[in-house]
Amino acid sequence: MKKQIEYVSEMTRFIQELHAEKPHLAEEQRKARARWWDRAADPALGAAEQKEVAEAKIRQQAYVYQTKG
């Protein structure tokens, strides 16, 4: 029997090598995500601004990829 060679893409190899060279990278990514994305609205906003932000949110439809019509 021939041994099957498992395919690993060039991008996967790049990411694996990057994480091997810089093991601290995953922690830095988590910190950056927390800093820029995982946070609440600015508490310094006044009531009027908070209301405006709330009103500007658009409700997502149940089936995102279904077209209307």
PDB file of N, CA and C in Angstrom:
ATOM      1  N   MET A   1       0.820  -1.182   0.000  1.00  0.00           N
ATOM      2  CA  MET A   1       0.000   0.000   0.000  1.00  0.00           C
ATOM      3  C   MET A   1       0.866   1.248   0.000  1.00  0.00           C
ATOM      4  N   LYS A   2       0.402   2.233  -0.761  1.00  0.00           N
ATOM      5  CA  LYS A   2       1.118   3.507  -0.781  1.00  0.00           C
ATOM      6  C   LYS A   2       0.659   4.375   0.380  1.00  0.00           C
ATOM      7  N   LYS A   3       1.594   5.101   0.923  1.00  0.00           N
ATOM      8  CA  LYS A   3       1.261   6.025   2.007  1.00  0.00           C
ATOM      9  C   LYS A   3       0.639   7.283   1.388  1.00  0.00           C
ATOM     10  N   GLN A   4      -0.530   7.662   1.905  1.00  0.00           N
ATOM     11  CA  GLN A   4      -1.195   8.851   1.401  1.00  0.00           C
ATOM     12  C   GLN A   4      -0.515  10.094   1.956  1.00  0.00           C
ATOM     13  N   ILE A   5      -0.301  11.041   1.097  1.00  0.00           N
ATOM     14  CA  ILE A   5       0.301  12.305   1.507  1.00  0.00           C
ATOM     15  C   ILE A   5      -0.830  13.282   1.804  1.00  0.00           C
ATOM     16  N   GLU A   6      -0.821  13.836   3.004  1.00  0.00           N
ATOM     17  CA  GLU A   6      -1.856  14.784   3.389  1.00  0.00           C
ATOM     18  C   GLU A   6      -1.503  16.160   2.831  1.00  0.00           C
ATOM     19  N   TYR A   7      -2.448  16.746   2.109  1.00  0.00           N
ATOM     20  CA  TYR A   7      -2.233  18.055   1.513  1.00  0.00           C
ATOM     21  C   TYR A   7      -2.342  19.144   2.574  1.00  0.00           C
ATOM     22  N   VAL A   8      -1.387  20.042   2.595  1.00  0.00           N
ATOM     23  CA  VAL A   8      -1.414  21.215   3.466  1.00  0.00           C
ATOM     24  C   VAL A   8      -1.153  22.416   2.570  1.00  0.00           C
ATOM     25  N   SER A   9      -2.094  23.340   2.564  1.00  0.00           N
ATOM     26  CA  SER A   9      -1.971  24.494   1.679  1.00  0.00           C
ATOM     27  C   SER A   9      -0.804  25.385   2.093  1.00  0.00           C
ATOM     28  N   GLU A  10      -0.399  26.197   1.165  1.00  0.00           N
ATOM     29  CA  GLU A  10       0.698  27.130   1.421  1.00  0.00           C
ATOM     30  C   GLU A  10       0.324  28.122   2.524  1.00  0.00           C
ATOM     31  N   MET A  11      -0.932  28.545   2.532  1.00  0.00           N
ATOM     32  CA  MET A  11      -1.391  29.489   3.552  1.00  0.00           C
ATOM     33  C   MET A  11      -1.396  28.833   4.931  1.00  0.00           C
ATOM     34  N   THR A  12      -1.826  27.571   5.006  1.00  0.00           N
ATOM     35  CA  THR A  12      -1.835  26.865   6.286  1.00  0.00           C
ATOM     36  C   THR A  12      -0.422  26.704   6.815  1.00  0.00           C
ATOM     37  N   ARG A  13       0.500  26.350   5.930  1.00  0.00           N
ATOM     38  CA  ARG A  13       1.902  26.228   6.351  1.00  0.00           C
ATOM     39  C   ARG A  13       2.433  27.559   6.849  1.00  0.00           C
ATOM     40  N   PHE A  14       2.083  28.649   6.150  1.00  0.00           N
ATOM     41  CA  PHE A  14       2.534  29.974   6.555  1.00  0.00           C
ATOM     42  C   PHE A  14       2.041  30.310   7.961  1.00  0.00           C
ATOM     43  N   ILE A  15       0.753  30.076   8.219  1.00  0.00           N
ATOM     44  CA  ILE A  15       0.181  30.376   9.536  1.00  0.00           C
ATOM     45  C   ILE A  15       0.827  29.512  10.616  1.00  0.00           C
ATOM     46  N   GLN A  16       1.023  28.234  10.326  1.00  0.00           N
ATOM     47  CA  GLN A  16       1.662  27.342  11.301  1.00  0.00           C
ATOM     48  C   GLN A  16       3.084  27.792  11.617  1.00  0.00           C
ATOM     49  N   GLU A  17       3.837  28.171  10.593  1.00  0.00           N
ATOM     50  CA  GLU A  17       5.215  28.651  10.804  1.00  0.00           C
ATOM     51  C   GLU A  17       5.215  29.967  11.583  1.00  0.00           C
ATOM     52  N   LEU A  18       4.275  30.840  11.258  1.00  0.00           N
ATOM     53  CA  LEU A  18       4.190  32.124  11.949  1.00  0.00           C
ATOM     54  C   LEU A  18       3.929  31.921  13.437  1.00  0.00           C
ATOM     55  N   HIS A  19       2.996  31.038  13.757  1.00  0.00           N
ATOM     56  CA  HIS A  19       2.697  30.764  15.168  1.00  0.00           C
ATOM     57  C   HIS A  19       3.856  30.046  15.858  1.00  0.00           C
ATOM     58  N   ALA A  20       4.609  29.248  15.123  1.00  0.00           N
ATOM     59  CA  ALA A  20       5.771  28.576  15.714  1.00  0.00           C
ATOM     60  C   ALA A  20       6.873  29.594  16.027  1.00  0.00           C
ATOM     61  N   GLU A  21       7.046  30.568  15.120  1.00  0.00           N
ATOM     62  CA  GLU A  21       8.087  31.581  15.314  1.00  0.00           C
ATOM     63  C   GLU A  21       7.696  32.617  16.377  1.00  0.00           C
ATOM     64  N   LYS A  22       6.392  32.911  16.457  1.00  0.00           N
ATOM     65  CA  LYS A  22       5.910  33.943  17.378  1.00  0.00           C
ATOM     66  C   LYS A  22       4.776  33.379  18.226  1.00  0.00           C
ATOM     67  N   PRO A  23       5.078  32.614  19.260  1.00  0.00           N
ATOM     68  CA  PRO A  23       4.028  31.996  20.072  1.00  0.00           C
ATOM     69  C   PRO A  23       3.156  33.003  20.824  1.00  0.00           C
ATOM     70  N   HIS A  24       3.641  34.211  21.006  1.00  0.00           N
ATOM     71  CA  HIS A  24       2.882  35.246  21.704  1.00  0.00           C
ATOM     72  C   HIS A  24       1.824  35.905  20.811  1.00  0.00           C
ATOM     73  N   LEU A  25       1.819  35.568  19.553  1.00  0.00           N
ATOM     74  CA  LEU A  25       0.935  36.208  18.587  1.00  0.00           C
ATOM     75  C   LEU A  25      -0.551  36.016  18.921  1.00  0.00           C
ATOM     76  N   ALA A  26      -0.936  34.823  19.340  1.00  0.00           N
ATOM     77  CA  ALA A  26      -2.346  34.555  19.652  1.00  0.00           C
ATOM     78  C   ALA A  26      -2.838  35.454  20.787  1.00  0.00           C
ATOM     79  N   GLU A  27      -2.013  35.640  21.795  1.00  0.00           N
ATOM     80  CA  GLU A  27      -2.395  36.505  22.914  1.00  0.00           C
ATOM     81  C   GLU A  27      -2.519  37.959  22.458  1.00  0.00           C
ATOM     82  N   GLU A  28      -1.625  38.407  21.602  1.00  0.00           N
ATOM     83  CA  GLU A  28      -1.702  39.767  21.077  1.00  0.00           C
ATOM     84  C   GLU A  28      -2.966  39.956  20.249  1.00  0.00           C
ATOM     85  N   GLN A  29      -3.350  38.945  19.488  1.00  0.00           N
ATOM     86  CA  GLN A  29      -4.576  39.023  18.701  1.00  0.00           C
ATOM     87  C   GLN A  29      -5.800  39.146  19.606  1.00  0.00           C
ATOM     88  N   ARG A  30      -5.824  38.374  20.693  1.00  0.00           N
ATOM     89  CA  ARG A  30      -6.949  38.459  21.633  1.00  0.00           C
ATOM     90  C   ARG A  30      -7.032  39.841  22.266  1.00  0.00           C
ATOM     91  N   LYS A  31      -5.886  40.397  22.640  1.00  0.00           N
ATOM     92  CA  LYS A  31      -5.870  41.733  23.246  1.00  0.00           C
ATOM     93  C   LYS A  31      -6.358  42.789  22.260  1.00  0.00           C
ATOM     94  N   ALA A  32      -5.916  42.692  21.014  1.00  0.00           N
ATOM     95  CA  ALA A  32      -6.329  43.663  19.998  1.00  0.00           C
ATOM     96  C   ALA A  32      -7.826  43.562  19.722  1.00  0.00           C
ATOM     97  N   ARG A  33      -8.334  42.341  19.668  1.00  0.00           N
ATOM     98  CA  ARG A  33      -9.773  42.178  19.454  1.00  0.00           C
ATOM     99  C   ARG A  33     -10.560  42.792  20.606  1.00  0.00           C
ATOM    100  N   ALA A  34     -10.107  42.546  21.820  1.00  0.00           N
ATOM    101  CA  ALA A  34     -10.792  43.110  22.981  1.00  0.00           C
ATOM    102  C   ALA A  34     -10.742  44.631  22.949  1.00  0.00           C
ATOM    103  N   ARG A  35      -9.632  45.181  22.503  1.00  0.00           N
ATOM    104  CA  ARG A  35      -9.473  46.631  22.473  1.00  0.00           C
ATOM    105  C   ARG A  35     -10.389  47.272  21.428  1.00  0.00           C
ATOM    106  N   TRP A  36     -10.503  46.648  20.244  1.00  0.00           N
ATOM    107  CA  TRP A  36     -11.207  47.304  19.149  1.00  0.00           C
ATOM    108  C   TRP A  36     -12.629  46.817  18.917  1.00  0.00           C
ATOM    109  N   TRP A  37     -12.949  45.572  19.284  1.00  0.00           N
ATOM    110  CA  TRP A  37     -14.263  45.050  18.913  1.00  0.00           C
ATOM    111  C   TRP A  37     -15.117  44.619  20.091  1.00  0.00           C
ATOM    112  N   ASP A  38     -14.561  43.992  21.086  1.00  0.00           N
ATOM    113  CA  ASP A  38     -15.350  43.442  22.190  1.00  0.00           C
ATOM    114  C   ASP A  38     -15.515  44.466  23.304  1.00  0.00           C
ATOM    115  N   ARG A  39     -16.247  45.505  23.016  1.00  0.00           N
ATOM    116  CA  ARG A  39     -16.456  46.522  24.040  1.00  0.00           C
ATOM    117  C   ARG A  39     -17.840  47.142  23.869  1.00  0.00           C
ATOM    118  N   ALA A  40     -18.325  47.694  24.941  1.00  0.00           N
ATOM    119  CA  ALA A  40     -19.637  48.342  24.925  1.00  0.00           C
ATOM    120  C   ALA A  40     -19.518  49.737  24.322  1.00  0.00           C
ATOM    121  N   ALA A  41     -20.653  50.356  24.093  1.00  0.00           N
ATOM    122  CA  ALA A  41     -20.672  51.722  23.574  1.00  0.00           C
ATOM    123  C   ALA A  41     -20.011  52.665  24.576  1.00  0.00           C
ATOM    124  N   ASP A  42     -19.540  53.769  24.091  1.00  0.00           N
ATOM    125  CA  ASP A  42     -18.849  54.754  24.921  1.00  0.00           C
ATOM    126  C   ASP A  42     -19.786  55.290  26.005  1.00  0.00           C
ATOM    127  N   PRO A  43     -19.457  55.050  27.277  1.00  0.00           N
ATOM    128  CA  PRO A  43     -20.330  55.525  28.359  1.00  0.00           C
ATOM    129  C   PRO A  43     -20.337  57.048  28.483  1.00  0.00           C
ATOM    130  N   ALA A  44     -19.392  57.722  27.842  1.00  0.00           N
ATOM    131  CA  ALA A  44     -19.337  59.181  27.925  1.00  0.00           C
ATOM    132  C   ALA A  44     -20.392  59.837  27.033  1.00  0.00           C
ATOM    133  N   LEU A  45     -21.041  59.062  26.171  1.00  0.00           N
ATOM    134  CA  LEU A  45     -22.077  59.631  25.316  1.00  0.00           C
ATOM    135  C   LEU A  45     -23.273  60.059  26.162  1.00  0.00           C
ATOM    136  N   GLY A  46     -23.875  61.145  25.768  1.00  0.00           N
ATOM    137  CA  GLY A  46     -25.059  61.609  26.470  1.00  0.00           C
ATOM    138  C   GLY A  46     -26.266  60.765  26.081  1.00  0.00           C
ATOM    139  N   ALA A  47     -27.387  61.028  26.723  1.00  0.00           N
ATOM    140  CA  ALA A  47     -28.611  60.262  26.466  1.00  0.00           C
ATOM    141  C   ALA A  47     -29.059  60.416  25.014  1.00  0.00           C
ATOM    142  N   ALA A  48     -28.942  61.608  24.467  1.00  0.00           N
ATOM    143  CA  ALA A  48     -29.374  61.856  23.092  1.00  0.00           C
ATOM    144  C   ALA A  48     -28.526  61.047  22.101  1.00  0.00           C
ATOM    145  N   GLU A  49     -27.213  61.027  22.323  1.00  0.00           N
ATOM    146  CA  GLU A  49     -26.324  60.276  21.437  1.00  0.00           C
ATOM    147  C   GLU A  49     -26.566  58.772  21.547  1.00  0.00           C
ATOM    148  N   GLN A  50     -26.802  58.285  22.778  1.00  0.00           N
ATOM    149  CA  GLN A  50     -27.073  56.863  22.966  1.00  0.00           C
ATOM    150  C   GLN A  50     -28.373  56.468  22.270  1.00  0.00           C
ATOM    151  N   LYS A  51     -29.368  57.334  22.339  1.00  0.00           N
ATOM    152  CA  LYS A  51     -30.637  57.069  21.663  1.00  0.00           C
ATOM    153  C   LYS A  51     -30.425  57.030  20.150  1.00  0.00           C
ATOM    154  N   GLU A  52     -29.626  57.949  19.637  1.00  0.00           N
ATOM    155  CA  GLU A  52     -29.333  58.000  18.204  1.00  0.00           C
ATOM    156  C   GLU A  52     -28.619  56.728  17.748  1.00  0.00           C
ATOM    157  N   VAL A  53     -27.663  56.253  18.533  1.00  0.00           N
ATOM    158  CA  VAL A  53     -26.947  55.017  18.209  1.00  0.00           C
ATOM    159  C   VAL A  53     -27.914  53.838  18.192  1.00  0.00           C
ATOM    160  N   ALA A  54     -28.794  53.767  19.187  1.00  0.00           N
ATOM    161  CA  ALA A  54     -29.768  52.675  19.271  1.00  0.00           C
ATOM    162  C   ALA A  54     -30.724  52.696  18.084  1.00  0.00           C
ATOM    163  N   GLU A  55     -31.158  53.871  17.675  1.00  0.00           N
ATOM    164  CA  GLU A  55     -32.086  54.001  16.554  1.00  0.00           C
ATOM    165  C   GLU A  55     -31.409  53.688  15.218  1.00  0.00           C
ATOM    166  N   ALA A  56     -30.099  53.852  15.136  1.00  0.00           N
ATOM    167  CA  ALA A  56     -29.372  53.625  13.890  1.00  0.00           C
ATOM    168  C   ALA A  56     -29.128  52.142  13.617  1.00  0.00           C
ATOM    169  N   LYS A  57     -29.306  51.306  14.627  1.00  0.00           N
ATOM    170  CA  LYS A  57     -29.093  49.871  14.432  1.00  0.00           C
ATOM    171  C   LYS A  57     -30.189  49.305  13.542  1.00  0.00           C
ATOM    172  N   ILE A  58     -29.795  48.449  12.630  1.00  0.00           N
ATOM    173  CA  ILE A  58     -30.725  47.823  11.697  1.00  0.00           C
ATOM    174  C   ILE A  58     -30.922  46.379  12.114  1.00  0.00           C
ATOM    175  N   ARG A  59     -32.178  45.953  12.236  1.00  0.00           N
ATOM    176  CA  ARG A  59     -32.475  44.582  12.630  1.00  0.00           C
ATOM    177  C   ARG A  59     -32.143  43.651  11.470  1.00  0.00           C
ATOM    178  N   GLN A  60     -31.421  42.599  11.744  1.00  0.00           N
ATOM    179  CA  GLN A  60     -31.034  41.633  10.719  1.00  0.00           C
ATOM    180  C   GLN A  60     -32.194  40.684  10.470  1.00  0.00           C
ATOM    181  N   GLN A  61     -32.448  40.403   9.190  1.00  0.00           N
ATOM    182  CA  GLN A  61     -33.534  39.477   8.864  1.00  0.00           C
ATOM    183  C   GLN A  61     -33.133  38.053   9.237  1.00  0.00           C
ATOM    184  N   ALA A  62     -34.132  37.193   9.398  1.00  0.00           N
ATOM    185  CA  ALA A  62     -33.900  35.830   9.876  1.00  0.00           C
ATOM    186  C   ALA A  62     -33.011  35.030   8.926  1.00  0.00           C
ATOM    187  N   TYR A  63     -33.249  35.136   7.650  1.00  0.00           N
ATOM    188  CA  TYR A  63     -32.455  34.404   6.661  1.00  0.00           C
ATOM    189  C   TYR A  63     -31.645  35.420   5.879  1.00  0.00           C
ATOM    190  N   VAL A  64     -30.414  35.585   6.260  1.00  0.00           N
ATOM    191  CA  VAL A  64     -29.574  36.671   5.750  1.00  0.00           C
ATOM    192  C   VAL A  64     -29.420  36.639   4.234  1.00  0.00           C
ATOM    193  N   TYR A  65     -29.278  35.451   3.659  1.00  0.00           N
ATOM    194  CA  TYR A  65     -28.982  35.350   2.226  1.00  0.00           C
ATOM    195  C   TYR A  65     -30.231  35.247   1.373  1.00  0.00           C
ATOM    196  N   GLN A  66     -31.415  35.293   1.965  1.00  0.00           N
ATOM    197  CA  GLN A  66     -32.646  35.252   1.195  1.00  0.00           C
ATOM    198  C   GLN A  66     -32.960  36.654   0.714  1.00  0.00           C
ATOM    199  N   THR A  67     -33.226  36.772  -0.569  1.00  0.00           N
ATOM    200  CA  THR A  67     -33.549  38.095  -1.112  1.00  0.00           C
ATOM    201  C   THR A  67     -35.030  38.360  -0.928  1.00  0.00           C
ATOM    202  N   LYS A  68     -35.358  39.610  -0.825  1.00  0.00           N
ATOM    203  CA  LYS A  68     -36.762  40.010  -0.685  1.00  0.00           C
ATOM    204  C   LYS A  68     -37.344  40.238  -2.069  1.00  0.00           C
ATOM    205  N   GLY A  69     -38.591  39.853  -2.226  1.00  0.00           N
ATOM    206  CA  GLY A  69     -39.225  40.171  -3.484  1.00  0.00           C
ATOM    207  C   GLY A  69     -39.819  39.063  -4.216  1.00  0.00           C
TER     208      GLY A  69
END
